[in-house]
Amino acid sequence: MFNFRLILAAAAIASLSACLDSDLERGLAGAAAGAVIADALGGNPVTGAIAGGAAGALCDEVTNICR
């Protein structure tokens, strides 16, 4: 049940990243979501934060979802 709440919180953060204006804001939201998801799944939160931050910062260049 606890992991479900963490994943739900991370999904909420990730879905709000489209409302953010700059790459920095999306990167920070992605880093937070990546760390929470990695921790919930038993991975390394630092690695999750790095991957999530990169994905958040580059999201608008790759897809239209973050615009």
PDB file of N, CA and C in Angstrom:
ATOM      1  N   MET A   1       0.824  -1.196   0.000  1.00  0.00           N
ATOM      2  CA  MET A   1       0.000   0.000   0.000  1.00  0.00           C
ATOM      3  C   MET A   1       0.866   1.256   0.000  1.00  0.00           C
ATOM      4  N   PHE A   2       1.976   1.196   0.751  1.00  0.00           N
ATOM      5  CA  PHE A   2       2.856   2.358   0.820  1.00  0.00           C
ATOM      6  C   PHE A   2       3.486   2.641  -0.542  1.00  0.00           C
ATOM      7  N   ASN A   3       3.916   1.603  -1.251  1.00  0.00           N
ATOM      8  CA  ASN A   3       4.511   1.797  -2.577  1.00  0.00           C
ATOM      9  C   ASN A   3       3.503   2.377  -3.552  1.00  0.00           C
ATOM     10  N   PHE A   4       2.250   1.967  -3.442  1.00  0.00           N
ATOM     11  CA  PHE A   4       1.213   2.501  -4.321  1.00  0.00           C
ATOM     12  C   PHE A   4       1.069   4.002  -4.119  1.00  0.00           C
ATOM     13  N   ARG A   5       1.125   4.462  -2.898  1.00  0.00           N
ATOM     14  CA  ARG A   5       1.015   5.902  -2.620  1.00  0.00           C
ATOM     15  C   ARG A   5       2.201   6.663  -3.188  1.00  0.00           C
ATOM     16  N   LEU A   6       3.391   6.096  -3.072  1.00  0.00           N
ATOM     17  CA  LEU A   6       4.563   6.764  -3.623  1.00  0.00           C
ATOM     18  C   LEU A   6       4.491   6.842  -5.135  1.00  0.00           C
ATOM     19  N   ILE A   7       4.072   5.770  -5.765  1.00  0.00           N
ATOM     20  CA  ILE A   7       3.949   5.767  -7.219  1.00  0.00           C
ATOM     21  C   ILE A   7       2.865   6.740  -7.665  1.00  0.00           C
ATOM     22  N   LEU A   8       1.772   6.799  -6.933  1.00  0.00           N
ATOM     23  CA  LEU A   8       0.705   7.739  -7.252  1.00  0.00           C
ATOM     24  C   LEU A   8       1.181   9.187  -7.101  1.00  0.00           C
ATOM     25  N   ALA A   9       1.961   9.461  -6.059  1.00  0.00           N
ATOM     26  CA  ALA A   9       2.494  10.808  -5.864  1.00  0.00           C
ATOM     27  C   ALA A   9       3.464  11.176  -6.987  1.00  0.00           C
ATOM     28  N   ALA A  10       4.296  10.227  -7.382  1.00  0.00           N
ATOM     29  CA  ALA A  10       5.239  10.483  -8.471  1.00  0.00           C
ATOM     30  C   ALA A  10       4.504  10.712  -9.783  1.00  0.00           C
ATOM     31  N   ALA A  11       3.442   9.969 -10.009  1.00  0.00           N
ATOM     32  CA  ALA A  11       2.658  10.158 -11.229  1.00  0.00           C
ATOM     33  C   ALA A  11       1.995  11.537 -11.234  1.00  0.00           C
ATOM     34  N   ALA A  12       1.550  11.989 -10.080  1.00  0.00           N
ATOM     35  CA  ALA A  12       0.947  13.323  -9.989  1.00  0.00           C
ATOM     36  C   ALA A  12       1.980  14.406 -10.286  1.00  0.00           C
ATOM     37  N   ILE A  13       3.189  14.230  -9.761  1.00  0.00           N
ATOM     38  CA  ILE A  13       4.250  15.203 -10.033  1.00  0.00           C
ATOM     39  C   ILE A  13       4.591  15.219 -11.514  1.00  0.00           C
ATOM     40  N   ALA A  14       4.689  14.030 -12.089  1.00  0.00           N
ATOM     41  CA  ALA A  14       5.038  13.932 -13.508  1.00  0.00           C
ATOM     42  C   ALA A  14       3.953  14.528 -14.395  1.00  0.00           C
ATOM     43  N   SER A  15       2.700  14.330 -14.027  1.00  0.00           N
ATOM     44  CA  SER A  15       1.621  14.870 -14.855  1.00  0.00           C
ATOM     45  C   SER A  15       1.544  16.385 -14.763  1.00  0.00           C
ATOM     46  N   LEU A  16       1.976  16.942 -13.659  1.00  0.00           N
ATOM     47  CA  LEU A  16       1.975  18.400 -13.511  1.00  0.00           C
ATOM     48  C   LEU A  16       3.149  19.053 -14.216  1.00  0.00           C
ATOM     49  N   SER A  17       4.111  18.247 -14.669  1.00  0.00           N
ATOM     50  CA  SER A  17       5.286  18.827 -15.307  1.00  0.00           C
ATOM     51  C   SER A  17       4.931  19.551 -16.602  1.00  0.00           C
ATOM     52  N   ALA A  18       3.819  19.202 -17.221  1.00  0.00           N
ATOM     53  CA  ALA A  18       3.400  19.893 -18.437  1.00  0.00           C
ATOM     54  C   ALA A  18       2.967  21.330 -18.141  1.00  0.00           C
ATOM     55  N   CYS A  19       2.602  21.617 -16.916  1.00  0.00           N
ATOM     56  CA  CYS A  19       2.163  22.959 -16.541  1.00  0.00           C
ATOM     57  C   CYS A  19       3.334  23.876 -16.209  1.00  0.00           C
ATOM     58  N   LEU A  20       4.531  23.336 -16.183  1.00  0.00           N
ATOM     59  CA  LEU A  20       5.690  24.124 -15.823  1.00  0.00           C
ATOM     60  C   LEU A  20       6.229  24.842 -17.058  1.00  0.00           C
ATOM     61  N   ASP A  21       6.818  26.012 -16.847  1.00  0.00           N
ATOM     62  CA  ASP A  21       7.197  26.881 -17.958  1.00  0.00           C
ATOM     63  C   ASP A  21       8.598  26.638 -18.511  1.00  0.00           C
ATOM     64  N   SER A  22       9.553  26.328 -17.654  1.00  0.00           N
ATOM     65  CA  SER A  22      10.934  26.248 -18.133  1.00  0.00           C
ATOM     66  C   SER A  22      11.483  24.834 -18.023  1.00  0.00           C
ATOM     67  N   ASP A  23      12.592  24.616 -18.714  1.00  0.00           N
ATOM     68  CA  ASP A  23      13.258  23.319 -18.642  1.00  0.00           C
ATOM     69  C   ASP A  23      13.747  23.035 -17.224  1.00  0.00           C
ATOM     70  N   LEU A  24      14.167  24.065 -16.511  1.00  0.00           N
ATOM     71  CA  LEU A  24      14.638  23.893 -15.139  1.00  0.00           C
ATOM     72  C   LEU A  24      13.519  23.385 -14.240  1.00  0.00           C
ATOM     73  N   GLU A  25      12.344  23.979 -14.340  1.00  0.00           N
ATOM     74  CA  GLU A  25      11.208  23.548 -13.523  1.00  0.00           C
ATOM     75  C   GLU A  25      10.806  22.121 -13.861  1.00  0.00           C
ATOM     76  N   ARG A  26      10.754  21.793 -15.157  1.00  0.00           N
ATOM     77  CA  ARG A  26      10.417  20.425 -15.557  1.00  0.00           C
ATOM     78  C   ARG A  26      11.494  19.443 -15.118  1.00  0.00           C
ATOM     79  N   GLY A  27      12.748  19.872 -15.155  1.00  0.00           N
ATOM     80  CA  GLY A  27      13.839  19.021 -14.705  1.00  0.00           C
ATOM     81  C   GLY A  27      13.769  18.724 -13.214  1.00  0.00           C
ATOM     82  N   LEU A  28      13.441  19.738 -12.432  1.00  0.00           N
ATOM     83  CA  LEU A  28      13.307  19.532 -10.987  1.00  0.00           C
ATOM     84  C   LEU A  28      12.127  18.621 -10.653  1.00  0.00           C
ATOM     85  N   ALA A  29      11.020  18.812 -11.337  1.00  0.00           N
ATOM     86  CA  ALA A  29       9.868  17.938 -11.115  1.00  0.00           C
ATOM     87  C   ALA A  29      10.185  16.509 -11.549  1.00  0.00           C
ATOM     88  N   GLY A  30      10.899  16.364 -12.658  1.00  0.00           N
ATOM     89  CA  GLY A  30      11.290  15.042 -13.118  1.00  0.00           C
ATOM     90  C   GLY A  30      12.256  14.367 -12.169  1.00  0.00           C
ATOM     91  N   ALA A  31      13.170  15.142 -11.602  1.00  0.00           N
ATOM     92  CA  ALA A  31      14.115  14.583 -10.634  1.00  0.00           C
ATOM     93  C   ALA A  31      13.397  14.104  -9.378  1.00  0.00           C
ATOM     94  N   ALA A  32      12.447  14.891  -8.908  1.00  0.00           N
ATOM     95  CA  ALA A  32      11.682  14.488  -7.731  1.00  0.00           C
ATOM     96  C   ALA A  32      10.875  13.217  -8.013  1.00  0.00           C
ATOM     97  N   ALA A  33      10.219  13.192  -9.151  1.00  0.00           N
ATOM     98  CA  ALA A  33       9.421  12.015  -9.510  1.00  0.00           C
ATOM     99  C   ALA A  33      10.315  10.795  -9.711  1.00  0.00           C
ATOM    100  N   GLY A  34      11.454  10.974 -10.355  1.00  0.00           N
ATOM    101  CA  GLY A  34      12.372   9.865 -10.577  1.00  0.00           C
ATOM    102  C   GLY A  34      12.906   9.290  -9.284  1.00  0.00           C
ATOM    103  N   ALA A  35      13.234  10.147  -8.341  1.00  0.00           N
ATOM    104  CA  ALA A  35      13.736   9.672  -7.049  1.00  0.00           C
ATOM    105  C   ALA A  35      12.666   8.905  -6.280  1.00  0.00           C
ATOM    106  N   VAL A  36      11.453   9.420  -6.295  1.00  0.00           N
ATOM    107  CA  VAL A  36      10.357   8.752  -5.578  1.00  0.00           C
ATOM    108  C   VAL A  36      10.040   7.401  -6.211  1.00  0.00           C
ATOM    109  N   ILE A  37       9.985   7.349  -7.521  1.00  0.00           N
ATOM    110  CA  ILE A  37       9.670   6.093  -8.199  1.00  0.00           C
ATOM    111  C   ILE A  37      10.779   5.077  -7.988  1.00  0.00           C
ATOM    112  N   ALA A  38      12.034   5.509  -8.107  1.00  0.00           N
ATOM    113  CA  ALA A  38      13.153   4.583  -7.903  1.00  0.00           C
ATOM    114  C   ALA A  38      13.155   4.039  -6.480  1.00  0.00           C
ATOM    115  N   ASP A  39      12.893   4.895  -5.507  1.00  0.00           N
ATOM    116  CA  ASP A  39      12.850   4.445  -4.111  1.00  0.00           C
ATOM    117  C   ASP A  39      11.688   3.488  -3.879  1.00  0.00           C
ATOM    118  N   ALA A  40      10.550   3.770  -4.481  1.00  0.00           N
ATOM    119  CA  ALA A  40       9.378   2.901  -4.302  1.00  0.00           C
ATOM    120  C   ALA A  40       9.593   1.530  -4.925  1.00  0.00           C
ATOM    121  N   LEU A  41      10.375   1.482  -5.993  1.00  0.00           N
ATOM    122  CA  LEU A  41      10.617   0.218  -6.677  1.00  0.00           C
ATOM    123  C   LEU A  41      11.877  -0.482  -6.188  1.00  0.00           C
ATOM    124  N   GLY A  42      12.538   0.071  -5.184  1.00  0.00           N
ATOM    125  CA  GLY A  42      13.712  -0.566  -4.602  1.00  0.00           C
ATOM    126  C   GLY A  42      15.011  -0.233  -5.307  1.00  0.00           C
ATOM    127  N   GLY A  43      15.003   0.789  -6.141  1.00  0.00           N
ATOM    128  CA  GLY A  43      16.209   1.203  -6.853  1.00  0.00           C
ATOM    129  C   GLY A  43      16.948   2.294  -6.106  1.00  0.00           C
ATOM    130  N   ASN A  44      17.942   2.846  -6.752  1.00  0.00           N
ATOM    131  CA  ASN A  44      18.741   3.919  -6.180  1.00  0.00           C
ATOM    132  C   ASN A  44      18.056   5.261  -6.468  1.00  0.00           C
ATOM    133  N   PRO A  45      17.657   6.007  -5.432  1.00  0.00           N
ATOM    134  CA  PRO A  45      16.966   7.280  -5.650  1.00  0.00           C
ATOM    135  C   PRO A  45      17.816   8.321  -6.378  1.00  0.00           C
ATOM    136  N   VAL A  46      19.134   8.296  -6.185  1.00  0.00           N
ATOM    137  CA  VAL A  46      20.001   9.265  -6.854  1.00  0.00           C
ATOM    138  C   VAL A  46      19.998   9.008  -8.361  1.00  0.00           C
ATOM    139  N   THR A  47      20.102   7.755  -8.736  1.00  0.00           N
ATOM    140  CA  THR A  47      20.055   7.405 -10.155  1.00  0.00           C
ATOM    141  C   THR A  47      18.691   7.757 -10.750  1.00  0.00           C
ATOM    142  N   GLY A  48      17.637   7.485  -9.989  1.00  0.00           N
ATOM    143  CA  GLY A  48      16.298   7.848 -10.440  1.00  0.00           C
ATOM    144  C   GLY A  48      16.132   9.343 -10.611  1.00  0.00           C
ATOM    145  N   ALA A  49      16.734  10.122  -9.700  1.00  0.00           N
ATOM    146  CA  ALA A  49      16.650  11.575  -9.797  1.00  0.00           C
ATOM    147  C   ALA A  49      17.403  12.087 -11.017  1.00  0.00           C
ATOM    148  N   ILE A  50      18.545  11.500 -11.302  1.00  0.00           N
ATOM    149  CA  ILE A  50      19.320  11.918 -12.478  1.00  0.00           C
ATOM    150  C   ILE A  50      18.550  11.611 -13.758  1.00  0.00           C
ATOM    151  N   ALA A  51      18.023  10.389 -13.843  1.00  0.00           N
ATOM    152  CA  ALA A  51      17.274  10.001 -15.045  1.00  0.00           C
ATOM    153  C   ALA A  51      15.991  10.814 -15.174  1.00  0.00           C
ATOM    154  N   GLY A  52      15.277  11.015 -14.075  1.00  0.00           N
ATOM    155  CA  GLY A  52      14.047  11.790 -14.102  1.00  0.00           C
ATOM    156  C   GLY A  52      14.286  13.250 -14.427  1.00  0.00           C
ATOM    157  N   GLY A  53      15.358  13.814 -13.906  1.00  0.00           N
ATOM    158  CA  GLY A  53      15.694  15.203 -14.205  1.00  0.00           C
ATOM    159  C   GLY A  53      16.026  15.398 -15.670  1.00  0.00           C
ATOM    160  N   ALA A  54      16.790  14.466 -16.228  1.00  0.00           N
ATOM    161  CA  ALA A  54      17.120  14.544 -17.651  1.00  0.00           C
ATOM    162  C   ALA A  54      15.870  14.400 -18.507  1.00  0.00           C
ATOM    163  N   ALA A  55      15.014  13.453 -18.132  1.00  0.00           N
ATOM    164  CA  ALA A  55      13.775  13.250 -18.894  1.00  0.00           C
ATOM    165  C   ALA A  55      12.870  14.478 -18.806  1.00  0.00           C
ATOM    166  N   GLY A  56      12.771  15.071 -17.633  1.00  0.00           N
ATOM    167  CA  GLY A  56      11.934  16.260 -17.477  1.00  0.00           C
ATOM    168  C   GLY A  56      12.466  17.453 -18.239  1.00  0.00           C
ATOM    169  N   ALA A  57      13.775  17.645 -18.213  1.00  0.00           N
ATOM    170  CA  ALA A  57      14.361  18.795 -18.892  1.00  0.00           C
ATOM    171  C   ALA A  57      14.293  18.665 -20.410  1.00  0.00           C
ATOM    172  N   LEU A  58      14.377  17.444 -20.910  1.00  0.00           N
ATOM    173  CA  LEU A  58      14.393  17.234 -22.359  1.00  0.00           C
ATOM    174  C   LEU A  58      13.035  16.846 -22.923  1.00  0.00           C
ATOM    175  N   CYS A  59      12.022  16.785 -22.084  1.00  0.00           N
ATOM    176  CA  CYS A  59      10.711  16.300 -22.506  1.00  0.00           C
ATOM    177  C   CYS A  59      10.112  17.134 -23.633  1.00  0.00           C
ATOM    178  N   ASP A  60      10.211  18.447 -23.543  1.00  0.00           N
ATOM    179  CA  ASP A  60       9.570  19.281 -24.567  1.00  0.00           C
ATOM    180  C   ASP A  60      10.307  19.255 -25.904  1.00  0.00           C
ATOM    181  N   GLU A  61      11.568  18.848 -25.916  1.00  0.00           N
ATOM    182  CA  GLU A  61      12.284  18.714 -27.178  1.00  0.00           C
ATOM    183  C   GLU A  61      11.942  17.420 -27.913  1.00  0.00           C
ATOM    184  N   VAL A  62      11.533  16.416 -27.154  1.00  0.00           N
ATOM    185  CA  VAL A  62      11.297  15.085 -27.717  1.00  0.00           C
ATOM    186  C   VAL A  62       9.831  14.861 -28.084  1.00  0.00           C
ATOM    187  N   THR A  63       8.929  15.376 -27.268  1.00  0.00           N
ATOM    188  CA  THR A  63       7.506  15.106 -27.457  1.00  0.00           C
ATOM    189  C   THR A  63       6.677  16.360 -27.228  1.00  0.00           C
ATOM    190  N   ASN A  64       5.434  16.334 -27.643  1.00  0.00           N
ATOM    191  CA  ASN A  64       4.530  17.470 -27.449  1.00  0.00           C
ATOM    192  C   ASN A  64       3.787  17.404 -26.121  1.00  0.00           C
ATOM    193  N   ILE A  65       3.959  16.346 -25.359  1.00  0.00           N
ATOM    194  CA  ILE A  65       3.227  16.189 -24.103  1.00  0.00           C
ATOM    195  C   ILE A  65       3.590  17.276 -23.103  1.00  0.00           C
ATOM    196  N   CYS A  66       4.831  17.701 -23.077  1.00  0.00           N
ATOM    197  CA  CYS A  66       5.302  18.660 -22.071  1.00  0.00           C
ATOM    198  C   CYS A  66       5.150  20.113 -22.489  1.00  0.00           C
ATOM    199  N   ARG A  67       4.512  20.363 -23.595  1.00  0.00           N
ATOM    200  CA  ARG A  67       4.379  21.756 -24.051  1.00  0.00           C
ATOM    201  C   ARG A  67       3.095  22.359 -23.602  1.00  0.00           C
TER     202      ARG A  67
END
